[in-house]
Amino acid sequence: MAFAEFNFYSKSLQMDVQVSLILPEKVQGVGSAPAIRYGNFPVLYLLHGTSGDHTDWERWTSIERYAAKKGLAVVMPAAQLSAYTNMVHGERYFDYIAYELPEKISKLLPISCCREDTYLCGLSMGGYGALKIGLTLPENYAAIGTLSNGNHAYMAAGKVGSDMEKLFQSPLGEAMRNRFQFCWGWTPEHPVPVVGTDQDIFWLAQKNLDEKRKLPAIFAACGKEDHNYSMASDVRKYFEGLPGNPYRYQYQEEHGGHTWEFWDKWIQVFLDWLPMKGEESPHEY
């Protein structure tokens, strides 16, 4: 695999941005057995969580090795503490990652533009972002992966379990409260509506059903000791409660916390679950 850091000027954010990229190669060195393909590469947009950046997945997991086995390109952008939204007090990260970034990448690199070759995944805040982007633009993505996260709109509404209430008393909880204010203009004193808006993944999921749009498949996993477990369970109950499982929703859990050990394992499971075309022949790149 080829690994690179890509810097360019974002019109949406009006500043320079950094993106980490993994691209399959025709020939690999000792110890690697990459999948071999013709044509443009399928692509995974892989999103970081709270306190992370575009380097997290490459530094803390073996995503490059896992992607090589699939012949899969991986695009890892930085989104700061934006919750992958157009912030009320900040930059337009939703527009950047949902619209501008895929257009830029597909023009510069041999990336497939076909829906069936395009996937989203993220952990924690990035899992919420993957659902928010994928359910806003369901015609653009064949599948969504969401690890260790819930519906962040319900966090702002105070609809969280005891585990999250404890978290809000911690230094990380302070960062989350600040995020709600910067992203949505929400404060405890002025709780603007977030549930029932386009920040609410349940609202987006139902809107797609009402409009009879093409739906992506959704994979989810969370550790039983994760502080997001109660929220992840709420998301599970919502999607499993939809008649006929229209999103082909699959949920997995096991003992584990909000840790890279958990995400390193389950990103592999997600990649194996993806509805990817079979490996074919050498890509001339």
Protein backbone atom coordinates (compact mmCIF):
# COMPACT_ATOMS: atom_id res chain seq x y z
CA MET A 1 0.00 0.00 0.00
CA ALA A 2 1.02 3.57 -0.60
CA PHE A 3 0.53 5.96 2.32
CA ALA A 4 0.49 9.74 1.91
CA GLU A 5 -0.61 12.91 3.64
CA PHE A 6 -2.52 15.17 1.30
CA ASN A 7 -2.73 18.93 1.92
CA PHE A 8 -5.02 21.25 -0.01
CA TYR A 9 -7.11 24.40 0.36
CA SER A 10 -10.73 23.78 1.29
CA LYS A 11 -13.28 26.22 -0.08
CA SER A 12 -15.85 25.01 2.46
CA LEU A 13 -13.55 25.70 5.41
CA GLN A 14 -11.58 28.54 3.83
CA MET A 15 -8.31 27.12 5.09
CA ASP A 16 -5.72 24.47 4.34
CA VAL A 17 -6.63 20.94 5.42
CA GLN A 18 -4.81 17.63 5.94
CA VAL A 19 -6.00 14.21 4.84
CA SER A 20 -4.24 10.86 5.30
CA LEU A 21 -4.54 8.49 2.32
CA ILE A 22 -3.98 4.80 1.77
CA LEU A 23 -3.87 3.56 -1.83
CA PRO A 24 -3.43 -0.02 -3.01
CA GLU A 25 -0.36 -0.80 -5.10
CA LYS A 26 0.25 -3.43 -7.74
CA VAL A 27 3.40 -4.71 -6.07
CA GLN A 28 4.08 -5.04 -2.35
CA GLY A 29 7.14 -5.93 -0.29
CA VAL A 30 7.88 -8.87 1.96
CA GLY A 31 5.15 -9.83 4.40
CA SER A 32 2.21 -8.36 2.47
CA ALA A 33 -0.33 -10.14 0.27
CA PRO A 34 -2.53 -7.40 -1.20
CA ALA A 35 -5.71 -7.93 -3.15
CA ILE A 36 -5.26 -7.23 -6.85
CA ARG A 37 -7.82 -5.31 -8.91
CA TYR A 38 -8.48 -3.70 -12.27
CA GLY A 39 -10.20 -0.33 -12.56
CA ASN A 40 -10.63 2.38 -9.96
CA PHE A 41 -10.38 1.45 -6.30
CA PRO A 42 -13.33 1.09 -3.92
CA VAL A 43 -12.96 3.68 -1.18
CA LEU A 44 -13.63 3.94 2.54
CA TYR A 45 -13.94 7.35 4.19
CA LEU A 46 -12.73 6.65 7.72
CA LEU A 47 -13.54 9.22 10.42
CA HIS A 48 -11.84 9.92 13.76
CA GLY A 49 -13.43 10.52 17.14
CA THR A 50 -13.32 13.18 19.84
CA SER A 51 -9.79 14.54 20.44
CA GLY A 52 -8.51 12.78 17.30
CA ASP A 53 -7.29 13.84 13.88
CA HIS A 54 -6.51 12.47 10.41
CA THR A 55 -3.56 10.41 11.71
CA ASP A 56 -5.39 8.39 14.38
CA TRP A 57 -6.40 5.33 12.40
CA GLU A 58 -2.98 4.96 10.78
CA ARG A 59 -1.11 5.37 14.08
CA TRP A 60 -3.31 3.31 16.41
CA THR A 61 -4.50 0.45 14.18
CA SER A 62 -3.15 -1.64 11.29
CA ILE A 63 -5.70 -0.20 8.86
CA GLU A 64 -3.11 -0.07 6.06
CA ARG A 65 -2.53 -3.81 6.32
CA TYR A 66 -6.25 -4.57 6.54
CA ALA A 67 -7.06 -2.38 3.54
CA ALA A 68 -4.31 -4.04 1.48
CA LYS A 69 -6.08 -7.39 1.81
CA LYS A 70 -9.19 -5.83 0.30
CA GLY A 71 -7.62 -3.69 -2.41
CA LEU A 72 -9.36 -0.78 -0.71
CA ALA A 73 -8.42 2.91 -0.73
CA VAL A 74 -8.90 4.69 2.60
CA VAL A 75 -9.40 8.44 3.05
CA MET A 76 -8.95 9.80 6.59
CA PRO A 77 -9.79 13.51 7.02
CA ALA A 78 -9.45 15.73 10.09
CA ALA A 79 -12.64 17.28 11.43
CA GLN A 80 -11.54 18.78 14.75
CA LEU A 81 -14.38 18.75 17.35
CA SER A 82 -17.01 19.55 14.74
CA ALA A 83 -19.31 16.51 15.17
CA TYR A 84 -19.04 16.48 11.36
CA THR A 85 -21.55 19.30 11.10
CA ASN A 86 -21.79 22.83 9.76
CA MET A 87 -21.03 24.49 13.07
CA VAL A 88 -23.05 27.41 14.42
CA HIS A 89 -19.82 28.84 15.88
CA GLY A 90 -17.16 27.42 13.59
CA GLU A 91 -16.49 25.92 10.18
CA ARG A 92 -18.64 24.00 7.70
CA TYR A 93 -17.22 20.53 8.26
CA PHE A 94 -20.27 18.69 6.98
CA ASP A 95 -20.02 20.42 3.60
CA TYR A 96 -16.29 19.77 3.50
CA ILE A 97 -16.40 16.04 4.22
CA ALA A 98 -19.75 15.16 2.62
CA TYR A 99 -19.35 17.14 -0.62
CA GLU A 100 -15.98 18.79 -1.21
CA LEU A 101 -13.62 16.02 -0.09
CA PRO A 102 -15.07 13.18 -2.24
CA GLU A 103 -15.12 15.46 -5.28
CA LYS A 104 -11.51 16.50 -4.73
CA ILE A 105 -10.26 12.95 -4.12
CA SER A 106 -12.07 11.45 -7.12
CA LYS A 107 -10.55 14.06 -9.45
CA LEU A 108 -6.99 13.53 -8.26
CA LEU A 109 -6.81 9.78 -7.59
CA PRO A 110 -8.05 6.54 -9.20
CA ILE A 111 -11.03 6.27 -6.84
CA SER A 112 -14.36 4.80 -7.91
CA CYS A 113 -17.31 7.20 -7.98
CA CYS A 114 -19.83 4.34 -7.96
CA ARG A 115 -22.14 4.06 -4.96
CA GLU A 116 -21.50 0.33 -4.63
CA ASP A 117 -17.76 1.03 -4.17
CA THR A 118 -18.10 3.83 -1.60
CA TYR A 119 -18.27 3.35 2.18
CA LEU A 120 -18.19 5.34 5.41
CA CYS A 121 -17.03 4.35 8.88
CA GLY A 122 -16.03 6.08 12.09
CA LEU A 123 -15.54 5.64 15.82
CA SER A 124 -17.32 7.53 18.59
CA MET A 125 -17.89 11.08 17.25
CA GLY A 126 -16.78 9.75 13.86
CA GLY A 127 -19.39 6.98 14.05
CA TYR A 128 -22.06 9.62 14.56
CA GLY A 129 -20.52 11.57 11.67
CA ALA A 130 -20.59 8.51 9.40
CA LEU A 131 -24.28 8.00 10.14
CA LYS A 132 -25.09 11.69 9.75
CA ILE A 133 -23.32 11.98 6.39
CA GLY A 134 -24.44 8.59 5.09
CA LEU A 135 -28.09 9.08 6.06
CA THR A 136 -28.14 12.61 4.65
CA LEU A 137 -26.75 11.34 1.33
CA PRO A 138 -27.91 7.71 1.23
CA GLU A 139 -27.58 7.49 -2.56
CA ASN A 140 -23.82 8.08 -2.25
CA TYR A 141 -22.87 5.17 0.04
CA ALA A 142 -23.40 1.42 -0.11
CA ALA A 143 -22.58 0.85 3.56
CA ILE A 144 -21.92 2.65 6.84
CA GLY A 145 -19.90 1.45 9.83
CA THR A 146 -20.38 2.93 13.28
CA LEU A 147 -18.22 1.93 16.26
CA SER A 148 -18.79 2.90 19.91
CA ASN A 149 -21.23 5.72 19.32
CA GLY A 150 -24.80 6.85 19.68
CA ASN A 151 -27.11 9.58 18.45
CA HIS A 152 -25.32 12.73 19.58
CA ALA A 153 -28.45 14.80 19.10
CA TYR A 154 -29.93 12.90 22.04
CA MET A 155 -26.87 13.70 24.15
CA ALA A 156 -27.57 17.41 23.73
CA ALA A 157 -31.21 16.80 24.62
CA GLY A 158 -30.18 15.13 27.88
CA LYS A 159 -31.60 11.78 26.75
CA VAL A 160 -28.65 9.70 27.88
CA GLY A 161 -28.05 6.89 30.34
CA SER A 162 -26.26 6.99 33.66
CA ASP A 163 -22.90 6.18 32.07
CA MET A 164 -23.05 9.35 29.98
CA GLU A 165 -24.22 11.44 32.93
CA LYS A 166 -21.07 10.40 34.78
CA LEU A 167 -18.98 11.21 31.73
CA PHE A 168 -20.37 14.75 31.61
CA GLN A 169 -18.80 15.38 35.02
CA SER A 170 -15.33 14.55 33.68
CA PRO A 171 -12.90 16.77 31.71
CA LEU A 172 -13.99 14.96 28.54
CA GLY A 173 -17.58 15.84 29.41
CA GLU A 174 -16.62 19.51 29.44
CA ALA A 175 -15.25 19.13 25.91
CA MET A 176 -18.54 17.55 24.86
CA ARG A 177 -20.60 20.38 26.31
CA ASN A 178 -18.38 22.88 24.51
CA ARG A 179 -18.92 20.91 21.30
CA PHE A 180 -22.69 21.16 21.64
CA GLN A 181 -22.42 24.92 21.99
CA PHE A 182 -19.99 25.40 19.08
CA CYS A 183 -21.72 22.93 16.77
CA TRP A 184 -25.39 23.58 17.47
CA GLY A 185 -25.55 26.67 19.67
CA TRP A 186 -26.84 24.47 22.51
CA THR A 187 -26.18 25.24 26.16
CA PRO A 188 -27.92 23.97 29.33
CA GLU A 189 -29.32 27.49 29.78
CA HIS A 190 -30.49 27.73 26.15
CA PRO A 191 -31.18 24.19 24.90
CA VAL A 192 -32.00 24.83 21.24
CA PRO A 193 -33.83 21.95 19.51
CA VAL A 194 -31.52 19.30 18.07
CA VAL A 195 -33.70 16.19 18.22
CA GLY A 196 -36.04 16.09 15.23
CA THR A 197 -33.63 18.06 13.03
CA ASP A 198 -31.06 17.09 10.41
CA GLN A 199 -28.57 16.54 13.28
CA ASP A 200 -30.70 13.65 14.56
CA ILE A 201 -29.83 10.31 12.92
CA PHE A 202 -33.23 8.82 13.81
CA TRP A 203 -34.97 11.71 12.06
CA LEU A 204 -32.72 11.30 9.02
CA ALA A 205 -33.31 7.53 8.89
CA GLN A 206 -37.10 7.96 8.98
CA LYS A 207 -36.98 10.77 6.41
CA ASN A 208 -35.22 8.42 3.98
CA LEU A 209 -37.90 5.80 4.52
CA ASP A 210 -40.69 8.33 4.02
CA GLU A 211 -39.09 9.54 0.80
CA LYS A 212 -38.40 5.96 -0.38
CA ARG A 213 -34.73 6.71 -1.01
CA LYS A 214 -32.05 4.12 -1.69
CA LEU A 215 -30.74 2.96 1.68
CA PRO A 216 -27.19 2.02 2.75
CA ALA A 217 -26.51 -1.04 4.89
CA ILE A 218 -25.40 -0.26 8.46
CA PHE A 219 -22.95 -2.16 10.67
CA ALA A 220 -22.50 -1.28 14.36
CA ALA A 221 -20.36 -2.53 17.23
CA CYS A 222 -19.79 -1.39 20.81
CA GLY A 223 -18.04 -2.71 23.90
CA LYS A 224 -20.16 -3.56 26.94
CA GLU A 225 -17.90 -1.47 29.18
CA ASP A 226 -17.86 1.51 26.82
CA HIS A 227 -19.18 4.79 28.25
CA ASN A 228 -21.23 5.09 25.04
CA TYR A 229 -22.84 1.67 25.52
CA SER A 230 -26.24 2.98 26.64
CA MET A 231 -26.40 5.33 23.64
CA ALA A 232 -25.25 2.59 21.26
CA SER A 233 -28.00 0.38 22.67
CA ASP A 234 -30.56 3.09 21.97
CA VAL A 235 -29.38 3.26 18.36
CA ARG A 236 -29.59 -0.52 18.14
CA LYS A 237 -33.16 -0.52 19.47
CA TYR A 238 -34.17 2.13 16.95
CA PHE A 239 -32.82 0.39 13.85
CA GLU A 240 -33.82 -3.10 14.97
CA GLY A 241 -37.32 -1.74 15.58
CA LEU A 242 -37.80 -0.65 11.97
CA PRO A 243 -40.12 -3.13 10.23
CA GLY A 244 -38.33 -5.37 7.75
CA ASN A 245 -34.84 -4.14 8.70
CA PRO A 246 -34.69 -1.76 5.70
CA TYR A 247 -31.10 -0.69 6.49
CA ARG A 248 -29.93 -4.33 6.79
CA TYR A 249 -28.73 -3.27 10.21
CA GLN A 250 -26.26 -5.57 11.97
CA TYR A 251 -25.06 -5.02 15.52
CA GLN A 252 -22.27 -6.75 17.44
CA GLU A 253 -21.04 -6.34 20.99
CA GLU A 254 -18.56 -7.94 23.36
CA HIS A 255 -16.66 -7.04 26.50
CA GLY A 256 -14.52 -4.00 25.83
CA GLY A 257 -14.17 -0.29 26.43
CA HIS A 258 -13.72 2.91 24.47
CA THR A 259 -10.28 1.80 23.33
CA TRP A 260 -8.12 1.33 20.26
CA GLU A 261 -7.81 -2.36 21.07
CA PHE A 262 -11.55 -2.65 20.50
CA TRP A 263 -11.59 -0.51 17.33
CA ASP A 264 -8.56 -2.25 15.83
CA LYS A 265 -10.41 -5.56 16.11
CA TRP A 266 -13.79 -4.38 14.89
CA ILE A 267 -12.60 -2.38 11.91
CA GLN A 268 -11.42 -5.73 10.56
CA VAL A 269 -14.85 -7.25 11.15
CA PHE A 270 -16.45 -4.28 9.40
CA LEU A 271 -14.17 -4.64 6.37
CA ASP A 272 -15.02 -8.34 6.13
CA TRP A 273 -18.73 -7.45 6.34
CA LEU A 274 -18.59 -4.85 3.55
CA PRO A 275 -20.51 -5.81 0.40
CA MET A 276 -17.40 -5.47 -1.78
CA LYS A 277 -16.88 -6.91 -5.21
CA GLY A 278 -14.44 -9.81 -5.40
CA GLU A 279 -10.74 -9.19 -5.93
CA GLU A 280 -9.87 -9.39 -9.59
CA SER A 281 -6.68 -8.47 -11.45
CA PRO A 282 -3.76 -6.01 -11.20
CA HIS A 283 -4.56 -2.32 -11.05
CA GLU A 284 -2.20 -0.40 -13.28
CA TYR A 285 -1.16 2.31 -10.85
